[in-house]
Amino acid sequence: MKYWNGSIMYAPRSPDYYAIPGTGHCIFRLMHKYEDGIAWNLYWLSKPQTDLIPVHPDDWHRHYEAFSAEETRAFYDALDVRVLNQMTLATIMSQPPREARRLLKRARLERTRFYHMAGGELWRATMLGRLFLAERLVDTKREAGTGGNVVVADFILQRYAVAGSSEYKQIRRPA
């Protein structure tokens, strides 16, 4: 399990890695500055194209779509809305990926304004798919620790390599 500022992190890297080149303020830098791990989880689950920003720093504008002020308010408000019994969306986003998937399937996301802005059930399907990906990333790391012959998938560069091999090199880009 990967943690960032005391919260489970679904994304392979913290938000500063995804920061938009040449900008002083962007949503990724703000989430990193305020150490908002729960919001980062929801954002990463909601916006799959975010993974392409570090890979294409010159064309980042093709992969990033900023929220309007109303969407930003609805995004953060959604975290505090009770969507399943007494659980808020923030509570669900703080669970391990497998448990979050189970809860998200039953959650009443339509109670949030952001549900309608983000695409309704398509948004839920996107988040469930990304949670499945996050779960696979955790399982891969768990297996790698056992010394097995594990293939690591780098979803940002869209390639596969054996863990620990010279083929698998992570790109580290300063924010």
N, C-alpha and C. Protein backbone atom coordinates (compact mmCIF):
# COMPACT_ATOMS: atom_id res chain seq x y z
N MET A 1 0.85 -1.17 0.00
CA MET A 1 0.00 0.00 0.00
C MET A 1 0.89 1.23 0.00
N LYS A 2 0.54 2.21 -0.79
CA LYS A 2 1.30 3.45 -0.89
C LYS A 2 0.56 4.53 -0.11
N TYR A 3 1.30 5.27 0.71
CA TYR A 3 0.71 6.33 1.52
C TYR A 3 1.34 7.67 1.17
N TRP A 4 0.55 8.71 1.30
CA TRP A 4 1.05 10.07 1.12
C TRP A 4 0.37 10.94 2.16
N ASN A 5 1.15 11.55 3.02
CA ASN A 5 0.65 12.40 4.10
C ASN A 5 -0.39 11.69 4.96
N GLY A 6 -0.15 10.44 5.23
CA GLY A 6 -1.04 9.68 6.11
C GLY A 6 -2.26 9.10 5.44
N SER A 7 -2.46 9.34 4.15
CA SER A 7 -3.61 8.81 3.42
C SER A 7 -3.13 7.78 2.40
N ILE A 8 -3.98 6.82 2.15
CA ILE A 8 -3.70 5.87 1.08
C ILE A 8 -3.71 6.65 -0.23
N MET A 9 -2.75 6.35 -1.09
CA MET A 9 -2.67 7.05 -2.37
C MET A 9 -2.89 6.04 -3.50
N TYR A 10 -3.86 6.32 -4.36
CA TYR A 10 -4.16 5.43 -5.48
C TYR A 10 -3.22 5.65 -6.66
N ALA A 11 -2.84 6.87 -6.90
CA ALA A 11 -1.98 7.20 -8.04
C ALA A 11 -0.58 6.64 -7.82
N PRO A 12 0.13 6.35 -8.89
CA PRO A 12 1.49 5.83 -8.73
C PRO A 12 2.46 6.85 -8.15
N ARG A 13 2.12 8.14 -8.24
CA ARG A 13 3.01 9.20 -7.74
C ARG A 13 2.18 10.31 -7.11
N SER A 14 2.85 11.14 -6.32
CA SER A 14 2.16 12.25 -5.68
C SER A 14 1.86 13.35 -6.72
N PRO A 15 0.97 14.29 -6.38
CA PRO A 15 0.53 15.28 -7.37
C PRO A 15 1.64 16.19 -7.90
N ASP A 16 2.71 16.40 -7.15
CA ASP A 16 3.77 17.28 -7.64
C ASP A 16 4.43 16.73 -8.90
N TYR A 17 4.41 15.41 -9.08
CA TYR A 17 4.98 14.79 -10.28
C TYR A 17 4.19 15.20 -11.53
N TYR A 18 2.90 15.42 -11.36
CA TYR A 18 2.02 15.74 -12.49
C TYR A 18 1.90 17.25 -12.74
N ALA A 19 2.61 18.05 -11.97
CA ALA A 19 2.50 19.51 -12.06
C ALA A 19 2.75 19.99 -13.49
N ILE A 20 1.98 20.97 -13.87
CA ILE A 20 2.07 21.50 -15.23
C ILE A 20 3.36 22.30 -15.38
N PRO A 21 4.16 21.95 -16.40
CA PRO A 21 5.44 22.64 -16.60
C PRO A 21 5.25 24.14 -16.86
N GLY A 22 6.11 24.94 -16.25
CA GLY A 22 6.12 26.37 -16.50
C GLY A 22 5.06 27.17 -15.78
N THR A 23 4.30 26.53 -14.90
CA THR A 23 3.28 27.28 -14.15
C THR A 23 3.64 27.26 -12.67
N GLY A 24 3.39 28.37 -12.03
CA GLY A 24 3.66 28.45 -10.60
C GLY A 24 2.54 27.87 -9.76
N HIS A 25 1.30 28.02 -10.27
CA HIS A 25 0.14 27.52 -9.55
C HIS A 25 -0.69 26.66 -10.49
N CYS A 26 -0.94 25.46 -10.08
CA CYS A 26 -1.87 24.58 -10.80
C CYS A 26 -2.50 23.69 -9.74
N ILE A 27 -3.53 22.97 -10.11
CA ILE A 27 -4.25 22.15 -9.14
C ILE A 27 -3.33 21.11 -8.49
N PHE A 28 -2.37 20.61 -9.25
CA PHE A 28 -1.47 19.58 -8.71
C PHE A 28 -0.55 20.17 -7.64
N ARG A 29 -0.03 21.35 -7.90
CA ARG A 29 0.84 22.00 -6.91
C ARG A 29 0.05 22.39 -5.66
N LEU A 30 -1.20 22.82 -5.85
CA LEU A 30 -2.03 23.18 -4.70
C LEU A 30 -2.35 21.95 -3.85
N MET A 31 -2.71 20.84 -4.48
CA MET A 31 -2.99 19.62 -3.72
C MET A 31 -1.74 19.16 -2.97
N HIS A 32 -0.59 19.31 -3.62
CA HIS A 32 0.65 18.93 -2.97
C HIS A 32 0.96 19.88 -1.80
N LYS A 33 0.80 21.18 -2.04
CA LYS A 33 1.08 22.18 -1.02
C LYS A 33 0.21 21.97 0.22
N TYR A 34 -1.07 21.71 0.01
CA TYR A 34 -1.99 21.55 1.13
C TYR A 34 -2.10 20.09 1.59
N GLU A 35 -1.29 19.22 1.01
CA GLU A 35 -1.20 17.81 1.40
C GLU A 35 -2.57 17.16 1.44
N ASP A 36 -3.35 17.38 0.40
CA ASP A 36 -4.72 16.90 0.33
C ASP A 36 -4.79 15.55 -0.40
N GLY A 37 -4.45 14.50 0.31
CA GLY A 37 -4.40 13.16 -0.28
C GLY A 37 -5.74 12.62 -0.73
N ILE A 38 -6.80 12.93 0.01
CA ILE A 38 -8.14 12.44 -0.34
C ILE A 38 -8.61 13.10 -1.63
N ALA A 39 -8.44 14.41 -1.75
CA ALA A 39 -8.82 15.11 -2.99
C ALA A 39 -7.97 14.61 -4.15
N TRP A 40 -6.68 14.34 -3.90
CA TRP A 40 -5.82 13.82 -4.95
C TRP A 40 -6.32 12.47 -5.43
N ASN A 41 -6.76 11.61 -4.52
CA ASN A 41 -7.32 10.32 -4.92
C ASN A 41 -8.52 10.50 -5.83
N LEU A 42 -9.44 11.38 -5.43
CA LEU A 42 -10.65 11.60 -6.24
C LEU A 42 -10.29 12.20 -7.59
N TYR A 43 -9.37 13.14 -7.60
CA TYR A 43 -8.98 13.76 -8.87
C TYR A 43 -8.34 12.73 -9.80
N TRP A 44 -7.38 11.95 -9.28
CA TRP A 44 -6.69 10.95 -10.10
C TRP A 44 -7.66 9.91 -10.64
N LEU A 45 -8.63 9.52 -9.83
CA LEU A 45 -9.63 8.56 -10.30
C LEU A 45 -10.54 9.16 -11.36
N SER A 46 -10.82 10.45 -11.25
CA SER A 46 -11.78 11.11 -12.15
C SER A 46 -11.18 11.53 -13.48
N LYS A 47 -9.89 11.77 -13.53
CA LYS A 47 -9.25 12.32 -14.73
C LYS A 47 -8.10 11.42 -15.21
N PRO A 48 -8.39 10.35 -15.95
CA PRO A 48 -7.33 9.44 -16.41
C PRO A 48 -6.28 10.10 -17.30
N GLN A 49 -6.65 11.14 -18.03
CA GLN A 49 -5.71 11.80 -18.92
C GLN A 49 -4.58 12.48 -18.16
N THR A 50 -4.72 12.63 -16.85
CA THR A 50 -3.68 13.23 -16.01
C THR A 50 -2.36 12.47 -16.15
N ASP A 51 -2.43 11.16 -16.34
CA ASP A 51 -1.22 10.35 -16.45
C ASP A 51 -0.36 10.72 -17.66
N LEU A 52 -0.94 11.40 -18.63
CA LEU A 52 -0.21 11.75 -19.84
C LEU A 52 0.55 13.07 -19.73
N ILE A 53 0.26 13.87 -18.74
CA ILE A 53 0.92 15.18 -18.60
C ILE A 53 2.43 15.05 -18.44
N PRO A 54 2.95 14.21 -17.52
CA PRO A 54 4.41 14.11 -17.38
C PRO A 54 5.10 13.51 -18.61
N VAL A 55 4.39 12.68 -19.34
CA VAL A 55 4.97 12.03 -20.51
C VAL A 55 5.08 12.99 -21.69
N HIS A 56 4.15 13.93 -21.79
CA HIS A 56 4.12 14.90 -22.88
C HIS A 56 4.17 16.32 -22.32
N PRO A 57 5.29 16.73 -21.72
CA PRO A 57 5.34 18.05 -21.07
C PRO A 57 5.15 19.21 -22.05
N ASP A 58 5.51 19.03 -23.31
CA ASP A 58 5.34 20.10 -24.29
C ASP A 58 3.89 20.24 -24.75
N ASP A 59 3.13 19.15 -24.70
CA ASP A 59 1.74 19.15 -25.13
C ASP A 59 0.78 18.95 -23.96
N TRP A 60 1.17 19.38 -22.76
CA TRP A 60 0.36 19.14 -21.57
C TRP A 60 -1.06 19.68 -21.73
N HIS A 61 -1.22 20.76 -22.47
CA HIS A 61 -2.55 21.38 -22.64
C HIS A 61 -3.53 20.46 -23.35
N ARG A 62 -3.04 19.47 -24.10
CA ARG A 62 -3.93 18.51 -24.76
C ARG A 62 -4.50 17.50 -23.78
N HIS A 63 -3.86 17.34 -22.62
CA HIS A 63 -4.25 16.30 -21.67
C HIS A 63 -4.81 16.87 -20.37
N TYR A 64 -4.87 18.17 -20.26
CA TYR A 64 -5.33 18.78 -19.02
C TYR A 64 -6.49 19.72 -19.31
N GLU A 65 -7.56 19.54 -18.59
CA GLU A 65 -8.71 20.43 -18.72
C GLU A 65 -9.03 20.95 -17.32
N ALA A 66 -8.86 22.22 -17.14
CA ALA A 66 -9.07 22.83 -15.82
C ALA A 66 -10.55 22.82 -15.45
N PHE A 67 -10.81 22.70 -14.16
CA PHE A 67 -12.17 22.83 -13.66
C PHE A 67 -12.56 24.30 -13.66
N SER A 68 -13.81 24.57 -13.94
CA SER A 68 -14.33 25.93 -13.75
C SER A 68 -14.47 26.16 -12.24
N ALA A 69 -14.74 27.39 -11.84
CA ALA A 69 -14.91 27.69 -10.42
C ALA A 69 -16.06 26.88 -9.83
N GLU A 70 -17.15 26.76 -10.58
CA GLU A 70 -18.30 26.00 -10.09
C GLU A 70 -17.97 24.51 -9.97
N GLU A 71 -17.25 23.97 -10.95
CA GLU A 71 -16.84 22.57 -10.88
C GLU A 71 -15.89 22.32 -9.71
N THR A 72 -14.99 23.25 -9.44
CA THR A 72 -14.06 23.11 -8.32
C THR A 72 -14.82 23.07 -7.00
N ARG A 73 -15.79 23.96 -6.83
CA ARG A 73 -16.61 23.95 -5.61
C ARG A 73 -17.37 22.64 -5.50
N ALA A 74 -17.96 22.18 -6.60
CA ALA A 74 -18.72 20.93 -6.58
C ALA A 74 -17.81 19.74 -6.30
N PHE A 75 -16.59 19.76 -6.83
CA PHE A 75 -15.62 18.69 -6.61
C PHE A 75 -15.31 18.56 -5.12
N TYR A 76 -14.96 19.68 -4.48
CA TYR A 76 -14.61 19.64 -3.05
C TYR A 76 -15.84 19.40 -2.17
N ASP A 77 -16.99 19.92 -2.57
CA ASP A 77 -18.23 19.66 -1.82
C ASP A 77 -18.59 18.18 -1.88
N ALA A 78 -18.33 17.53 -3.01
CA ALA A 78 -18.67 16.11 -3.16
C ALA A 78 -17.98 15.24 -2.12
N LEU A 79 -16.80 15.65 -1.70
CA LEU A 79 -16.08 14.87 -0.70
C LEU A 79 -16.81 14.81 0.64
N ASP A 80 -17.62 15.82 0.94
CA ASP A 80 -18.30 15.89 2.24
C ASP A 80 -19.75 15.40 2.22
N VAL A 81 -20.23 14.97 1.06
CA VAL A 81 -21.61 14.51 0.94
C VAL A 81 -21.70 13.04 1.35
N ARG A 82 -22.72 12.73 2.16
CA ARG A 82 -22.96 11.33 2.54
C ARG A 82 -23.55 10.60 1.33
N VAL A 83 -22.86 9.57 0.90
CA VAL A 83 -23.28 8.86 -0.30
C VAL A 83 -23.62 7.39 -0.04
N LEU A 84 -23.30 6.90 1.14
CA LEU A 84 -23.60 5.51 1.48
C LEU A 84 -23.73 5.39 2.98
N ASN A 85 -24.96 5.18 3.44
CA ASN A 85 -25.25 5.17 4.87
C ASN A 85 -24.72 6.46 5.49
N GLN A 86 -23.81 6.39 6.43
CA GLN A 86 -23.24 7.60 7.03
C GLN A 86 -21.87 7.94 6.45
N MET A 87 -21.48 7.26 5.39
CA MET A 87 -20.15 7.46 4.80
C MET A 87 -20.17 8.57 3.76
N THR A 88 -19.15 9.43 3.83
CA THR A 88 -18.99 10.46 2.81
C THR A 88 -18.10 9.92 1.69
N LEU A 89 -18.05 10.64 0.60
CA LEU A 89 -17.17 10.24 -0.49
C LEU A 89 -15.71 10.29 -0.04
N ALA A 90 -15.38 11.22 0.84
CA ALA A 90 -14.01 11.29 1.38
C ALA A 90 -13.67 10.02 2.16
N THR A 91 -14.62 9.50 2.91
CA THR A 91 -14.39 8.26 3.65
C THR A 91 -14.11 7.11 2.70
N ILE A 92 -14.85 7.05 1.62
CA ILE A 92 -14.64 6.00 0.62
C ILE A 92 -13.27 6.15 -0.04
N MET A 93 -12.88 7.40 -0.34
CA MET A 93 -11.59 7.66 -1.00
C MET A 93 -10.40 7.37 -0.08
N SER A 94 -10.64 7.17 1.20
CA SER A 94 -9.55 6.88 2.12
C SER A 94 -9.39 5.38 2.37
N GLN A 95 -10.20 4.56 1.72
CA GLN A 95 -10.14 3.11 1.88
C GLN A 95 -9.13 2.50 0.90
N PRO A 96 -8.64 1.29 1.18
CA PRO A 96 -7.82 0.59 0.19
C PRO A 96 -8.62 0.39 -1.10
N PRO A 97 -7.92 0.28 -2.24
CA PRO A 97 -8.62 0.24 -3.54
C PRO A 97 -9.73 -0.81 -3.64
N ARG A 98 -9.51 -2.00 -3.17
CA ARG A 98 -10.54 -3.06 -3.29
C ARG A 98 -11.80 -2.68 -2.51
N GLU A 99 -11.62 -2.19 -1.29
CA GLU A 99 -12.75 -1.79 -0.47
C GLU A 99 -13.44 -0.56 -1.06
N ALA A 100 -12.67 0.40 -1.56
CA ALA A 100 -13.25 1.59 -2.18
C ALA A 100 -14.09 1.21 -3.39
N ARG A 101 -13.62 0.25 -4.18
CA ARG A 101 -14.41 -0.22 -5.34
C ARG A 101 -15.74 -0.80 -4.88
N ARG A 102 -15.69 -1.63 -3.85
CA ARG A 102 -16.91 -2.26 -3.34
C ARG A 102 -17.91 -1.20 -2.87
N LEU A 103 -17.43 -0.22 -2.13
CA LEU A 103 -18.30 0.82 -1.60
C LEU A 103 -18.81 1.75 -2.70
N LEU A 104 -17.95 2.08 -3.64
CA LEU A 104 -18.31 3.00 -4.71
C LEU A 104 -19.40 2.43 -5.62
N LYS A 105 -19.43 1.13 -5.77
CA LYS A 105 -20.48 0.49 -6.59
C LYS A 105 -21.86 0.75 -6.00
N ARG A 106 -21.95 0.83 -4.66
CA ARG A 106 -23.24 0.99 -3.99
C ARG A 106 -23.54 2.44 -3.62
N ALA A 107 -22.56 3.32 -3.74
CA ALA A 107 -22.72 4.71 -3.30
C ALA A 107 -23.75 5.45 -4.15
N ARG A 108 -24.44 6.37 -3.52
CA ARG A 108 -25.44 7.21 -4.19
C ARG A 108 -24.76 8.51 -4.62
N LEU A 109 -23.91 8.41 -5.63
CA LEU A 109 -23.14 9.57 -6.09
C LEU A 109 -24.02 10.68 -6.65
N GLU A 110 -25.22 10.31 -7.09
CA GLU A 110 -26.11 11.32 -7.65
C GLU A 110 -26.53 12.36 -6.61
N ARG A 111 -26.23 12.14 -5.36
CA ARG A 111 -26.50 13.13 -4.31
C ARG A 111 -25.54 14.32 -4.39
N THR A 112 -24.47 14.18 -5.16
CA THR A 112 -23.48 15.26 -5.28
C THR A 112 -23.73 16.05 -6.56
N ARG A 113 -23.44 17.33 -6.52
CA ARG A 113 -23.55 18.15 -7.75
C ARG A 113 -22.49 17.72 -8.76
N PHE A 114 -21.33 17.32 -8.27
CA PHE A 114 -20.23 16.97 -9.16
C PHE A 114 -20.57 15.75 -10.01
N TYR A 115 -21.38 14.85 -9.52
CA TYR A 115 -21.81 13.66 -10.27
C TYR A 115 -22.38 14.07 -11.63
N HIS A 116 -23.21 15.07 -11.63
CA HIS A 116 -23.86 15.51 -12.88
C HIS A 116 -22.88 16.26 -13.78
N MET A 117 -21.97 17.00 -13.18
CA MET A 117 -20.98 17.75 -13.96
C MET A 117 -19.92 16.83 -14.57
N ALA A 118 -19.60 15.75 -13.87
CA ALA A 118 -18.51 14.86 -14.30
C ALA A 118 -18.96 13.76 -15.25
N GLY A 119 -20.25 13.66 -15.52
CA GLY A 119 -20.70 12.68 -16.50
C GLY A 119 -21.58 11.57 -15.95
N GLY A 120 -22.05 11.69 -14.73
CA GLY A 120 -22.98 10.71 -14.18
C GLY A 120 -22.36 9.33 -14.02
N GLU A 121 -23.04 8.34 -14.55
CA GLU A 121 -22.58 6.96 -14.39
C GLU A 121 -21.27 6.69 -15.13
N LEU A 122 -20.98 7.48 -16.15
CA LEU A 122 -19.68 7.36 -16.82
C LEU A 122 -18.55 7.72 -15.86
N TRP A 123 -18.78 8.71 -15.01
CA TRP A 123 -17.80 9.10 -13.99
C TRP A 123 -17.58 7.96 -13.02
N ARG A 124 -18.67 7.32 -12.57
CA ARG A 124 -18.54 6.18 -11.65
C ARG A 124 -17.74 5.06 -12.33
N ALA A 125 -18.05 4.76 -13.58
CA ALA A 125 -17.35 3.69 -14.30
C ALA A 125 -15.86 4.02 -14.44
N THR A 126 -15.54 5.27 -14.72
CA THR A 126 -14.14 5.69 -14.82
C THR A 126 -13.43 5.48 -13.50
N MET A 127 -14.06 5.90 -12.41
CA MET A 127 -13.44 5.74 -11.09
C MET A 127 -13.27 4.27 -10.73
N LEU A 128 -14.26 3.45 -11.04
CA LEU A 128 -14.15 2.01 -10.74
C LEU A 128 -13.00 1.39 -11.53
N GLY A 129 -12.85 1.78 -12.79
CA GLY A 129 -11.75 1.26 -13.60
C GLY A 129 -10.40 1.69 -13.06
N ARG A 130 -10.29 2.94 -12.64
CA ARG A 130 -9.03 3.43 -12.07
C ARG A 130 -8.74 2.78 -10.72
N LEU A 131 -9.77 2.51 -9.93
CA LEU A 131 -9.55 1.79 -8.67
C LEU A 131 -9.05 0.38 -8.93
N PHE A 132 -9.57 -0.25 -9.98
CA PHE A 132 -9.07 -1.57 -10.37
C PHE A 132 -7.58 -1.48 -10.72
N LEU A 133 -7.21 -0.44 -11.46
CA LEU A 133 -5.82 -0.22 -11.81
C LEU A 133 -4.97 0.00 -10.55
N ALA A 134 -5.46 0.82 -9.62
CA ALA A 134 -4.73 1.07 -8.37
C ALA A 134 -4.55 -0.22 -7.58
N GLU A 135 -5.58 -1.05 -7.58
CA GLU A 135 -5.50 -2.34 -6.89
C GLU A 135 -4.44 -3.24 -7.53
N ARG A 136 -4.39 -3.25 -8.84
CA ARG A 136 -3.38 -4.05 -9.55
C ARG A 136 -1.98 -3.54 -9.25
N LEU A 137 -1.81 -2.22 -9.16
CA LEU A 137 -0.51 -1.65 -8.84
C LEU A 137 -0.06 -2.08 -7.45
N VAL A 138 -0.98 -2.12 -6.49
CA VAL A 138 -0.66 -2.57 -5.13
C VAL A 138 -0.30 -4.05 -5.15
N ASP A 139 -1.08 -4.87 -5.86
CA ASP A 139 -0.80 -6.31 -5.94
C ASP A 139 0.55 -6.58 -6.58
N THR A 140 0.90 -5.82 -7.61
CA THR A 140 2.18 -5.99 -8.29
C THR A 140 3.32 -5.70 -7.33
N LYS A 141 3.20 -4.65 -6.55
CA LYS A 141 4.26 -4.30 -5.60
C LYS A 141 4.36 -5.36 -4.51
N ARG A 142 3.24 -5.89 -4.07
CA ARG A 142 3.24 -6.93 -3.05
C ARG A 142 3.97 -8.17 -3.57
N GLU A 143 3.67 -8.56 -4.82
CA GLU A 143 4.32 -9.72 -5.41
C GLU A 143 5.80 -9.47 -5.63
N ALA A 144 6.17 -8.26 -5.98
CA ALA A 144 7.58 -7.94 -6.21
C ALA A 144 8.39 -8.12 -4.94
N GLY A 145 7.77 -7.87 -3.80
CA GLY A 145 8.46 -8.03 -2.53
C GLY A 145 8.73 -9.48 -2.19
N THR A 146 8.03 -10.43 -2.81
CA THR A 146 8.23 -11.85 -2.51
C THR A 146 9.35 -12.45 -3.33
N GLY A 147 9.93 -11.70 -4.24
CA GLY A 147 11.06 -12.19 -5.03
C GLY A 147 10.65 -13.01 -6.24
N GLY A 148 9.38 -12.98 -6.60
CA GLY A 148 8.92 -13.72 -7.78
C GLY A 148 9.31 -13.00 -9.05
N ASN A 149 9.11 -13.65 -10.19
CA ASN A 149 9.38 -13.04 -11.48
C ASN A 149 8.16 -12.22 -11.87
N VAL A 150 8.13 -10.97 -11.46
CA VAL A 150 6.97 -10.12 -11.62
C VAL A 150 7.17 -9.17 -12.78
N VAL A 151 6.13 -9.01 -13.56
CA VAL A 151 6.16 -8.03 -14.64
C VAL A 151 5.52 -6.75 -14.11
N VAL A 152 6.22 -5.64 -14.24
CA VAL A 152 5.73 -4.36 -13.78
C VAL A 152 5.17 -3.59 -14.97
N ALA A 153 3.98 -3.08 -14.80
CA ALA A 153 3.34 -2.29 -15.85
C ALA A 153 3.53 -0.82 -15.52
N ASP A 154 4.09 -0.09 -16.42
CA ASP A 154 4.22 1.35 -16.28
C ASP A 154 3.10 1.96 -17.10
N PHE A 155 2.02 2.34 -16.43
CA PHE A 155 0.83 2.79 -17.13
C PHE A 155 1.00 4.18 -17.72
N ILE A 156 1.98 4.91 -17.24
CA ILE A 156 2.21 6.24 -17.80
C ILE A 156 2.90 6.10 -19.15
N LEU A 157 3.91 5.26 -19.24
CA LEU A 157 4.62 5.09 -20.50
C LEU A 157 4.03 3.96 -21.35
N GLN A 158 3.04 3.27 -20.80
CA GLN A 158 2.35 2.19 -21.50
C GLN A 158 3.32 1.12 -21.99
N ARG A 159 4.11 0.58 -21.04
CA ARG A 159 5.02 -0.51 -21.39
C ARG A 159 5.15 -1.44 -20.20
N TYR A 160 5.70 -2.61 -20.44
CA TYR A 160 5.86 -3.62 -19.41
C TYR A 160 7.32 -4.04 -19.35
N ALA A 161 7.77 -4.39 -18.15
CA ALA A 161 9.14 -4.86 -17.97
C ALA A 161 9.20 -5.69 -16.70
N VAL A 162 10.18 -6.53 -16.58
CA VAL A 162 10.36 -7.35 -15.39
C VAL A 162 10.88 -6.44 -14.27
N ALA A 163 10.29 -6.57 -13.08
CA ALA A 163 10.69 -5.73 -11.95
C ALA A 163 12.17 -5.93 -11.66
N GLY A 164 12.87 -4.83 -11.46
CA GLY A 164 14.29 -4.89 -11.14
C GLY A 164 15.19 -4.97 -12.35
N SER A 165 14.63 -5.12 -13.54
CA SER A 165 15.46 -5.22 -14.74
C SER A 165 15.90 -3.82 -15.17
N SER A 166 16.91 -3.78 -16.02
CA SER A 166 17.39 -2.49 -16.50
C SER A 166 16.40 -1.85 -17.49
N GLU A 167 15.45 -2.63 -18.01
CA GLU A 167 14.44 -2.09 -18.93
C GLU A 167 13.48 -1.15 -18.21
N TYR A 168 13.23 -1.44 -16.92
CA TYR A 168 12.23 -0.68 -16.19
C TYR A 168 12.90 0.46 -15.46
N LYS A 169 12.74 1.65 -15.98
CA LYS A 169 13.28 2.85 -15.35
C LYS A 169 12.15 3.86 -15.21
N GLN A 170 11.94 4.31 -13.99
CA GLN A 170 10.92 5.31 -13.76
C GLN A 170 11.48 6.68 -14.11
N ILE A 171 10.64 7.49 -14.69
CA ILE A 171 11.03 8.85 -15.02
C ILE A 171 10.70 9.73 -13.83
N ARG A 172 11.65 10.49 -13.38
CA ARG A 172 11.40 11.41 -12.28
C ARG A 172 11.59 12.83 -12.82
N ARG A 173 10.55 13.61 -12.72
CA ARG A 173 10.59 14.95 -13.25
C ARG A 173 10.28 15.91 -12.11
N PRO A 174 11.15 16.86 -11.85
CA PRO A 174 10.88 17.80 -10.76
C PRO A 174 9.69 18.68 -11.11
N ALA A 175 8.94 19.04 -10.10
CA ALA A 175 7.76 19.88 -10.30
C ALA A 175 8.17 21.32 -10.48
